[in-house]
Amino acid sequence: MQEERVRIRLVLVGTEGEINLGFIARLAANFQVDEFYLVSPQASPSSEEAKRFAANGAYMLERVEIFNSLDEALAGVDIAVCTSAKTGQRSDVLRHAVSVREFAQDIAPRYGSIAAVFGRESVGLTREELSKCHLLVHIPANPDYPVLNLSHAVAIVLYELWIALRFRGQLHEQVDSRSLERVYKLLHDVAEKLVDRERFPAVDAAIKHLLWRSGMTSGEASALYQFAKKLRRLVEECSSSDA
């Protein structure tokens, strides 16, 4: 069986510096990024400074696609991972993270396309933006000073993905992300009916993290879908009888 290279989409949200943008374009060329997307950038990919720091990777700046929303930039990928220097306490489920190495080696090979999302140099990604990703990835560093320069963080993530994903091994069955989305939608609906409004965002994030981190097979996803479908029906029936 021929092995197929996993497609990588690099997504930068609100990038502020043209020097960083140039360095990242160079990295995108170094590590064979397939798609280079910018969401509401403050820095211009057509600037001379960005081109100069991109060096021989300047052609990636010409391929950049610009979007007004993160939702648009994430359309069509199997799994989207946000990156953050901040990891949450036990109660902050949205910021529960896996290390970049764990993601690259154990989770990413099961997907056909991956979006790696990076935030602004000054403030990173908002909680709303984090909630749009399936997983949060972090780069372990000095806990007293864990914040890396944006281009350095991109370099580490792309390097780890390059090493792990040059070709997807035959031992990994590719996950059907559409099946995961179907299961997630059902469990999302169930949680929305059963969980109080204050706790719902944490439960919803936990469901999403669990599904996309699991690497379940298509058969497992199908079985879970049938279970979730029946569970939603039971919840709806109970809600109707209580009304």
C-alpha atoms as a PDB file:
ATOM      1  CA  MET A   1       0.000   0.000   0.000  1.00  0.00           C
ATOM      2  CA  GLN A   2       1.388   3.401  -0.980  1.00  0.00           C
ATOM      3  CA  GLU A   3       1.894   5.781   1.901  1.00  0.00           C
ATOM      4  CA  GLU A   4       0.372   9.236   1.619  1.00  0.00           C
ATOM      5  CA  ARG A   5       1.811  12.449   3.000  1.00  0.00           C
ATOM      6  CA  VAL A   6      -0.342  14.265   5.527  1.00  0.00           C
ATOM      7  CA  ARG A   7      -1.308  17.749   4.354  1.00  0.00           C
ATOM      8  CA  ILE A   8      -0.352  20.640   6.642  1.00  0.00           C
ATOM      9  CA  ARG A   9      -2.178  23.963   6.741  1.00  0.00           C
ATOM     10  CA  LEU A  10      -0.454  26.765   8.647  1.00  0.00           C
ATOM     11  CA  VAL A  11      -2.888  29.353  10.043  1.00  0.00           C
ATOM     12  CA  LEU A  12      -1.698  32.610  11.609  1.00  0.00           C
ATOM     13  CA  VAL A  13      -4.267  34.769  13.407  1.00  0.00           C
ATOM     14  CA  GLY A  14      -3.730  38.528  13.601  1.00  0.00           C
ATOM     15  CA  THR A  15      -0.002  38.409  12.861  1.00  0.00           C
ATOM     16  CA  GLU A  16       1.503  41.750  13.870  1.00  0.00           C
ATOM     17  CA  GLY A  17       5.127  41.735  12.685  1.00  0.00           C
ATOM     18  CA  GLU A  18       6.384  41.597   9.110  1.00  0.00           C
ATOM     19  CA  ILE A  19       9.764  40.213  10.211  1.00  0.00           C
ATOM     20  CA  ASN A  20       8.033  37.307  11.935  1.00  0.00           C
ATOM     21  CA  LEU A  21       5.806  36.818   8.904  1.00  0.00           C
ATOM     22  CA  GLY A  22       8.866  36.596   6.680  1.00  0.00           C
ATOM     23  CA  PHE A  23      10.629  34.127   8.956  1.00  0.00           C
ATOM     24  CA  ILE A  24       7.489  31.975   9.090  1.00  0.00           C
ATOM     25  CA  ALA A  25       7.145  31.961   5.297  1.00  0.00           C
ATOM     26  CA  ARG A  26      10.697  30.649   5.152  1.00  0.00           C
ATOM     27  CA  LEU A  27       9.790  27.923   7.662  1.00  0.00           C
ATOM     28  CA  ALA A  28       6.715  27.048   5.607  1.00  0.00           C
ATOM     29  CA  ALA A  29       9.030  26.402   2.666  1.00  0.00           C
ATOM     30  CA  ASN A  30      11.548  24.486   4.816  1.00  0.00           C
ATOM     31  CA  PHE A  31       8.916  22.062   6.088  1.00  0.00           C
ATOM     32  CA  GLN A  32       6.700  21.718   2.997  1.00  0.00           C
ATOM     33  CA  VAL A  33       3.594  23.449   4.318  1.00  0.00           C
ATOM     34  CA  ASP A  34       0.801  22.819   1.830  1.00  0.00           C
ATOM     35  CA  GLU A  35      -1.409  25.806   2.661  1.00  0.00           C
ATOM     36  CA  PHE A  36      -0.454  29.110   4.293  1.00  0.00           C
ATOM     37  CA  TYR A  37      -3.451  31.059   5.640  1.00  0.00           C
ATOM     38  CA  LEU A  38      -3.639  34.409   7.436  1.00  0.00           C
ATOM     39  CA  VAL A  39      -6.657  35.540   9.460  1.00  0.00           C
ATOM     40  CA  SER A  40      -7.092  39.323   9.736  1.00  0.00           C
ATOM     41  CA  PRO A  41      -3.327  40.006   9.614  1.00  0.00           C
ATOM     42  CA  GLN A  42      -1.890  43.334  10.710  1.00  0.00           C
ATOM     43  CA  ALA A  43       1.342  42.606   8.835  1.00  0.00           C
ATOM     44  CA  SER A  44       1.344  42.595   5.040  1.00  0.00           C
ATOM     45  CA  PRO A  45       2.652  39.527   3.183  1.00  0.00           C
ATOM     46  CA  SER A  46       3.480  41.759   0.228  1.00  0.00           C
ATOM     47  CA  SER A  47       5.782  44.067   2.217  1.00  0.00           C
ATOM     48  CA  GLU A  48       9.447  44.266   1.281  1.00  0.00           C
ATOM     49  CA  GLU A  49      10.451  43.494   4.872  1.00  0.00           C
ATOM     50  CA  ALA A  50       8.455  40.259   4.933  1.00  0.00           C
ATOM     51  CA  LYS A  51       9.927  39.219   1.582  1.00  0.00           C
ATOM     52  CA  ARG A  52      13.469  39.995   2.718  1.00  0.00           C
ATOM     53  CA  PHE A  53      13.237  37.873   5.856  1.00  0.00           C
ATOM     54  CA  ALA A  54      11.532  35.055   3.959  1.00  0.00           C
ATOM     55  CA  ALA A  55      14.670  34.727   1.801  1.00  0.00           C
ATOM     56  CA  ASN A  56      14.201  31.848  -0.658  1.00  0.00           C
ATOM     57  CA  GLY A  57      10.860  31.070   0.949  1.00  0.00           C
ATOM     58  CA  ALA A  58       9.367  34.334  -0.330  1.00  0.00           C
ATOM     59  CA  TYR A  59       7.288  32.364  -2.824  1.00  0.00           C
ATOM     60  CA  MET A  60       5.181  31.177   0.126  1.00  0.00           C
ATOM     61  CA  LEU A  61       4.110  34.791   0.702  1.00  0.00           C
ATOM     62  CA  GLU A  62       2.704  34.842  -2.816  1.00  0.00           C
ATOM     63  CA  ARG A  63       0.650  31.739  -2.023  1.00  0.00           C
ATOM     64  CA  VAL A  64      -0.851  33.184   1.157  1.00  0.00           C
ATOM     65  CA  GLU A  65      -4.640  33.193   1.425  1.00  0.00           C
ATOM     66  CA  ILE A  66      -6.231  35.813   3.676  1.00  0.00           C
ATOM     67  CA  PHE A  67      -9.489  35.300   5.578  1.00  0.00           C
ATOM     68  CA  ASN A  68     -11.669  37.460   7.806  1.00  0.00           C
ATOM     69  CA  SER A  69     -12.546  34.682  10.233  1.00  0.00           C
ATOM     70  CA  LEU A  70     -10.898  31.636  11.769  1.00  0.00           C
ATOM     71  CA  ASP A  71     -13.931  29.532  10.837  1.00  0.00           C
ATOM     72  CA  GLU A  72     -13.234  30.160   7.152  1.00  0.00           C
ATOM     73  CA  ALA A  73      -9.552  29.350   7.541  1.00  0.00           C
ATOM     74  CA  LEU A  74     -10.293  26.012   9.239  1.00  0.00           C
ATOM     75  CA  ALA A  75     -12.883  24.791   6.740  1.00  0.00           C
ATOM     76  CA  GLY A  76     -12.156  21.377   5.273  1.00  0.00           C
ATOM     77  CA  VAL A  77      -9.384  20.107   7.572  1.00  0.00           C
ATOM     78  CA  ASP A  78      -9.636  16.851   9.509  1.00  0.00           C
ATOM     79  CA  ILE A  79      -8.197  18.256  12.743  1.00  0.00           C
ATOM     80  CA  ALA A  80      -7.347  21.783  13.879  1.00  0.00           C
ATOM     81  CA  VAL A  81      -4.896  22.339  16.723  1.00  0.00           C
ATOM     82  CA  CYS A  82      -4.388  25.650  18.460  1.00  0.00           C
ATOM     83  CA  THR A  83      -1.079  26.458  20.092  1.00  0.00           C
ATOM     84  CA  SER A  84      -0.635  28.317  23.353  1.00  0.00           C
ATOM     85  CA  ALA A  85       2.085  29.005  25.886  1.00  0.00           C
ATOM     86  CA  LYS A  86      -0.596  28.977  28.591  1.00  0.00           C
ATOM     87  CA  THR A  87      -1.977  25.688  29.841  1.00  0.00           C
ATOM     88  CA  GLY A  88      -4.968  25.651  32.144  1.00  0.00           C
ATOM     89  CA  GLN A  89      -5.558  24.505  35.667  1.00  0.00           C
ATOM     90  CA  ARG A  90      -7.520  21.305  36.187  1.00  0.00           C
ATOM     91  CA  SER A  91     -10.821  23.173  36.074  1.00  0.00           C
ATOM     92  CA  ASP A  92     -10.010  25.043  32.839  1.00  0.00           C
ATOM     93  CA  VAL A  93     -10.797  22.295  30.345  1.00  0.00           C
ATOM     94  CA  LEU A  94     -10.441  24.591  27.342  1.00  0.00           C
ATOM     95  CA  ARG A  95      -6.742  24.975  28.128  1.00  0.00           C
ATOM     96  CA  HIS A  96      -6.009  21.294  28.736  1.00  0.00           C
ATOM     97  CA  ALA A  97      -3.166  20.630  26.313  1.00  0.00           C
ATOM     98  CA  VAL A  98      -1.028  17.861  24.897  1.00  0.00           C
ATOM     99  CA  SER A  99       2.647  18.379  24.165  1.00  0.00           C
ATOM    100  CA  VAL A 100       3.579  19.033  20.564  1.00  0.00           C
ATOM    101  CA  ARG A 101       5.634  15.832  20.474  1.00  0.00           C
ATOM    102  CA  GLU A 102       2.767  13.710  21.778  1.00  0.00           C
ATOM    103  CA  PHE A 103       0.440  15.254  19.217  1.00  0.00           C
ATOM    104  CA  ALA A 104       2.857  14.823  16.314  1.00  0.00           C
ATOM    105  CA  GLN A 105       3.791  11.241  17.088  1.00  0.00           C
ATOM    106  CA  ASP A 106       0.617   9.714  18.534  1.00  0.00           C
ATOM    107  CA  ILE A 107      -2.356  11.686  17.206  1.00  0.00           C
ATOM    108  CA  ALA A 108      -1.507  13.507  13.978  1.00  0.00           C
ATOM    109  CA  PRO A 109      -0.618  10.420  11.882  1.00  0.00           C
ATOM    110  CA  ARG A 110      -4.245   9.290  12.032  1.00  0.00           C
ATOM    111  CA  TYR A 111      -5.501  12.319  10.087  1.00  0.00           C
ATOM    112  CA  GLY A 112      -5.213  13.246   6.427  1.00  0.00           C
ATOM    113  CA  SER A 113      -5.026  17.010   6.920  1.00  0.00           C
ATOM    114  CA  ILE A 114      -4.010  19.167   9.870  1.00  0.00           C
ATOM    115  CA  ALA A 115      -4.356  22.879  10.589  1.00  0.00           C
ATOM    116  CA  ALA A 116      -1.777  24.292  13.017  1.00  0.00           C
ATOM    117  CA  VAL A 117      -3.121  27.575  14.401  1.00  0.00           C
ATOM    118  CA  PHE A 118      -0.958  30.291  15.966  1.00  0.00           C
ATOM    119  CA  GLY A 119      -2.083  33.531  17.608  1.00  0.00           C
ATOM    120  CA  ARG A 120      -0.896  37.092  17.837  1.00  0.00           C
ATOM    121  CA  GLU A 121       2.593  37.915  19.044  1.00  0.00           C
ATOM    122  CA  SER A 122       1.184  40.152  21.809  1.00  0.00           C
ATOM    123  CA  VAL A 123      -1.805  38.261  23.220  1.00  0.00           C
ATOM    124  CA  GLY A 124      -1.993  34.904  21.436  1.00  0.00           C
ATOM    125  CA  LEU A 125      -5.431  33.431  20.752  1.00  0.00           C
ATOM    126  CA  THR A 126      -8.663  34.402  22.487  1.00  0.00           C
ATOM    127  CA  ARG A 127     -10.724  31.802  24.336  1.00  0.00           C
ATOM    128  CA  GLU A 128     -13.321  31.975  21.573  1.00  0.00           C
ATOM    129  CA  GLU A 129     -10.615  31.185  19.009  1.00  0.00           C
ATOM    130  CA  LEU A 130      -9.276  28.334  21.144  1.00  0.00           C
ATOM    131  CA  SER A 131     -12.770  26.833  21.286  1.00  0.00           C
ATOM    132  CA  LYS A 132     -12.818  26.508  17.488  1.00  0.00           C
ATOM    133  CA  CYS A 133      -9.911  24.040  17.522  1.00  0.00           C
ATOM    134  CA  HIS A 134     -10.228  20.349  18.282  1.00  0.00           C
ATOM    135  CA  LEU A 135      -7.136  20.240  20.507  1.00  0.00           C
ATOM    136  CA  LEU A 136      -4.705  22.548  22.262  1.00  0.00           C
ATOM    137  CA  VAL A 137      -0.995  21.900  21.810  1.00  0.00           C
ATOM    138  CA  HIS A 138       1.807  23.395  23.855  1.00  0.00           C
ATOM    139  CA  ILE A 139       5.596  23.433  23.719  1.00  0.00           C
ATOM    140  CA  PRO A 140       7.100  22.471  27.094  1.00  0.00           C
ATOM    141  CA  ALA A 141       9.550  25.133  28.270  1.00  0.00           C
ATOM    142  CA  ASN A 142      10.829  26.885  31.395  1.00  0.00           C
ATOM    143  CA  PRO A 143       7.665  27.303  33.538  1.00  0.00           C
ATOM    144  CA  ASP A 144       8.977  30.660  34.736  1.00  0.00           C
ATOM    145  CA  TYR A 145       9.216  31.918  31.144  1.00  0.00           C
ATOM    146  CA  PRO A 146       7.356  29.624  28.722  1.00  0.00           C
ATOM    147  CA  VAL A 147       6.449  32.199  26.052  1.00  0.00           C
ATOM    148  CA  LEU A 148       8.359  31.757  22.799  1.00  0.00           C
ATOM    149  CA  ASN A 149       8.721  34.149  19.906  1.00  0.00           C
ATOM    150  CA  LEU A 150       6.016  33.348  17.344  1.00  0.00           C
ATOM    151  CA  SER A 151       8.396  32.252  14.602  1.00  0.00           C
ATOM    152  CA  HIS A 152      10.330  30.055  17.052  1.00  0.00           C
ATOM    153  CA  ALA A 153       7.113  28.335  18.148  1.00  0.00           C
ATOM    154  CA  VAL A 154       6.129  27.756  14.522  1.00  0.00           C
ATOM    155  CA  ALA A 155       9.571  26.282  13.832  1.00  0.00           C
ATOM    156  CA  ILE A 156       9.280  23.760  16.666  1.00  0.00           C
ATOM    157  CA  VAL A 157       5.752  22.657  15.751  1.00  0.00           C
ATOM    158  CA  LEU A 158       6.530  22.301  12.040  1.00  0.00           C
ATOM    159  CA  TYR A 159       9.741  20.415  12.801  1.00  0.00           C
ATOM    160  CA  GLU A 160       7.956  17.930  15.074  1.00  0.00           C
ATOM    161  CA  LEU A 161       5.240  17.404  12.467  1.00  0.00           C
ATOM    162  CA  TRP A 162       7.828  17.020   9.707  1.00  0.00           C
ATOM    163  CA  ILE A 163       9.691  14.311  11.600  1.00  0.00           C
ATOM    164  CA  ALA A 164       6.524  12.407  12.517  1.00  0.00           C
ATOM    165  CA  LEU A 165       4.494  12.927   9.345  1.00  0.00           C
ATOM    166  CA  ARG A 166       6.816  12.818   6.380  1.00  0.00           C
ATOM    167  CA  PHE A 167       4.750   9.793   5.445  1.00  0.00           C
ATOM    168  CA  ARG A 168       1.908   8.312   7.407  1.00  0.00           C
ATOM    169  CA  GLY A 169       2.809   4.793   8.498  1.00  0.00           C
ATOM    170  CA  GLN A 170       0.713   1.817   7.493  1.00  0.00           C
ATOM    171  CA  LEU A 171       0.036   0.990  11.155  1.00  0.00           C
ATOM    172  CA  HIS A 172      -2.208   4.050  11.473  1.00  0.00           C
ATOM    173  CA  GLU A 173      -5.778   3.853  10.198  1.00  0.00           C
ATOM    174  CA  GLN A 174      -6.872   7.263   8.993  1.00  0.00           C
ATOM    175  CA  VAL A 175      -9.693   8.707  11.065  1.00  0.00           C
ATOM    176  CA  ASP A 176     -12.784   9.820   9.174  1.00  0.00           C
ATOM    177  CA  SER A 177     -13.175  13.334  10.552  1.00  0.00           C
ATOM    178  CA  ARG A 178     -16.735  13.552   9.212  1.00  0.00           C
ATOM    179  CA  SER A 179     -17.693  10.639  11.456  1.00  0.00           C
ATOM    180  CA  LEU A 180     -16.161  12.435  14.429  1.00  0.00           C
ATOM    181  CA  GLU A 181     -18.114  15.585  13.566  1.00  0.00           C
ATOM    182  CA  ARG A 182     -21.356  13.575  13.483  1.00  0.00           C
ATOM    183  CA  VAL A 183     -20.655  12.047  16.900  1.00  0.00           C
ATOM    184  CA  TYR A 184     -19.602  15.421  18.309  1.00  0.00           C
ATOM    185  CA  LYS A 185     -22.806  17.101  17.104  1.00  0.00           C
ATOM    186  CA  LEU A 186     -24.961  14.492  18.853  1.00  0.00           C
ATOM    187  CA  LEU A 187     -23.014  14.649  22.127  1.00  0.00           C
ATOM    188  CA  HIS A 188     -22.970  18.450  21.921  1.00  0.00           C
ATOM    189  CA  ASP A 189     -26.781  18.435  21.695  1.00  0.00           C
ATOM    190  CA  VAL A 190     -27.080  16.016  24.627  1.00  0.00           C
ATOM    191  CA  ALA A 191     -24.741  18.075  26.799  1.00  0.00           C
ATOM    192  CA  GLU A 192     -26.613  21.245  25.911  1.00  0.00           C
ATOM    193  CA  LYS A 193     -29.803  19.724  27.343  1.00  0.00           C
ATOM    194  CA  LEU A 194     -28.283  18.058  30.424  1.00  0.00           C
ATOM    195  CA  VAL A 195     -25.549  20.425  31.591  1.00  0.00           C
ATOM    196  CA  ASP A 196     -26.140  23.809  33.181  1.00  0.00           C
ATOM    197  CA  ARG A 197     -25.163  26.846  31.150  1.00  0.00           C
ATOM    198  CA  GLU A 198     -22.173  27.728  33.323  1.00  0.00           C
ATOM    199  CA  ARG A 199     -20.551  24.291  32.960  1.00  0.00           C
ATOM    200  CA  PHE A 200     -21.497  23.663  29.333  1.00  0.00           C
ATOM    201  CA  PRO A 201     -18.414  25.264  27.676  1.00  0.00           C
ATOM    202  CA  ALA A 202     -16.078  23.053  29.733  1.00  0.00           C
ATOM    203  CA  VAL A 203     -18.077  19.895  28.996  1.00  0.00           C
ATOM    204  CA  ASP A 204     -18.293  20.765  25.304  1.00  0.00           C
ATOM    205  CA  ALA A 205     -14.529  21.335  25.136  1.00  0.00           C
ATOM    206  CA  ALA A 206     -13.913  18.033  26.932  1.00  0.00           C
ATOM    207  CA  ILE A 207     -16.070  16.143  24.403  1.00  0.00           C
ATOM    208  CA  LYS A 208     -14.219  17.717  21.479  1.00  0.00           C
ATOM    209  CA  HIS A 209     -10.760  17.065  22.967  1.00  0.00           C
ATOM    210  CA  LEU A 210     -11.642  13.463  23.803  1.00  0.00           C
ATOM    211  CA  LEU A 211     -12.973  12.629  20.333  1.00  0.00           C
ATOM    212  CA  TRP A 212     -10.122  14.105  18.296  1.00  0.00           C
ATOM    213  CA  ARG A 213      -7.412  12.880  20.656  1.00  0.00           C
ATOM    214  CA  SER A 214      -8.742   9.322  20.692  1.00  0.00           C
ATOM    215  CA  GLY A 215      -7.673   8.207  17.226  1.00  0.00           C
ATOM    216  CA  MET A 216     -10.700   5.908  17.103  1.00  0.00           C
ATOM    217  CA  THR A 217     -11.276   3.687  14.091  1.00  0.00           C
ATOM    218  CA  SER A 218     -14.156   4.184  11.674  1.00  0.00           C
ATOM    219  CA  GLY A 219     -15.894   1.164  13.222  1.00  0.00           C
ATOM    220  CA  GLU A 220     -15.589   2.631  16.704  1.00  0.00           C
ATOM    221  CA  ALA A 221     -16.871   5.989  15.473  1.00  0.00           C
ATOM    222  CA  SER A 222     -19.875   4.284  13.869  1.00  0.00           C
ATOM    223  CA  ALA A 223     -20.710   2.388  17.064  1.00  0.00           C
ATOM    224  CA  LEU A 224     -20.370   5.531  19.169  1.00  0.00           C
ATOM    225  CA  TYR A 225     -22.565   7.445  16.718  1.00  0.00           C
ATOM    226  CA  GLN A 226     -25.379   4.914  17.103  1.00  0.00           C
ATOM    227  CA  PHE A 227     -25.069   5.100  20.892  1.00  0.00           C
ATOM    228  CA  ALA A 228     -25.050   8.914  20.887  1.00  0.00           C
ATOM    229  CA  LYS A 229     -28.028   8.999  18.532  1.00  0.00           C
ATOM    230  CA  LYS A 230     -30.058   6.799  20.886  1.00  0.00           C
ATOM    231  CA  LEU A 231     -28.920   8.817  23.895  1.00  0.00           C
ATOM    232  CA  ARG A 232     -30.080  12.057  22.290  1.00  0.00           C
ATOM    233  CA  ARG A 233     -33.452  10.507  21.471  1.00  0.00           C
ATOM    234  CA  LEU A 234     -33.900   9.367  25.087  1.00  0.00           C
ATOM    235  CA  VAL A 235     -33.001  12.817  26.381  1.00  0.00           C
ATOM    236  CA  GLU A 236     -35.473  14.437  23.987  1.00  0.00           C
ATOM    237  CA  GLU A 237     -38.216  12.010  25.060  1.00  0.00           C
ATOM    238  CA  CYS A 238     -37.558  12.735  28.734  1.00  0.00           C
ATOM    239  CA  SER A 239     -37.616  16.467  28.062  1.00  0.00           C
ATOM    240  CA  SER A 240     -40.946  16.134  26.230  1.00  0.00           C
ATOM    241  CA  SER A 241     -42.528  14.111  29.038  1.00  0.00           C
ATOM    242  CA  ASP A 242     -41.396  16.658  31.637  1.00  0.00           C
ATOM    243  CA  ALA A 243     -42.858  19.551  29.685  1.00  0.00           C
END
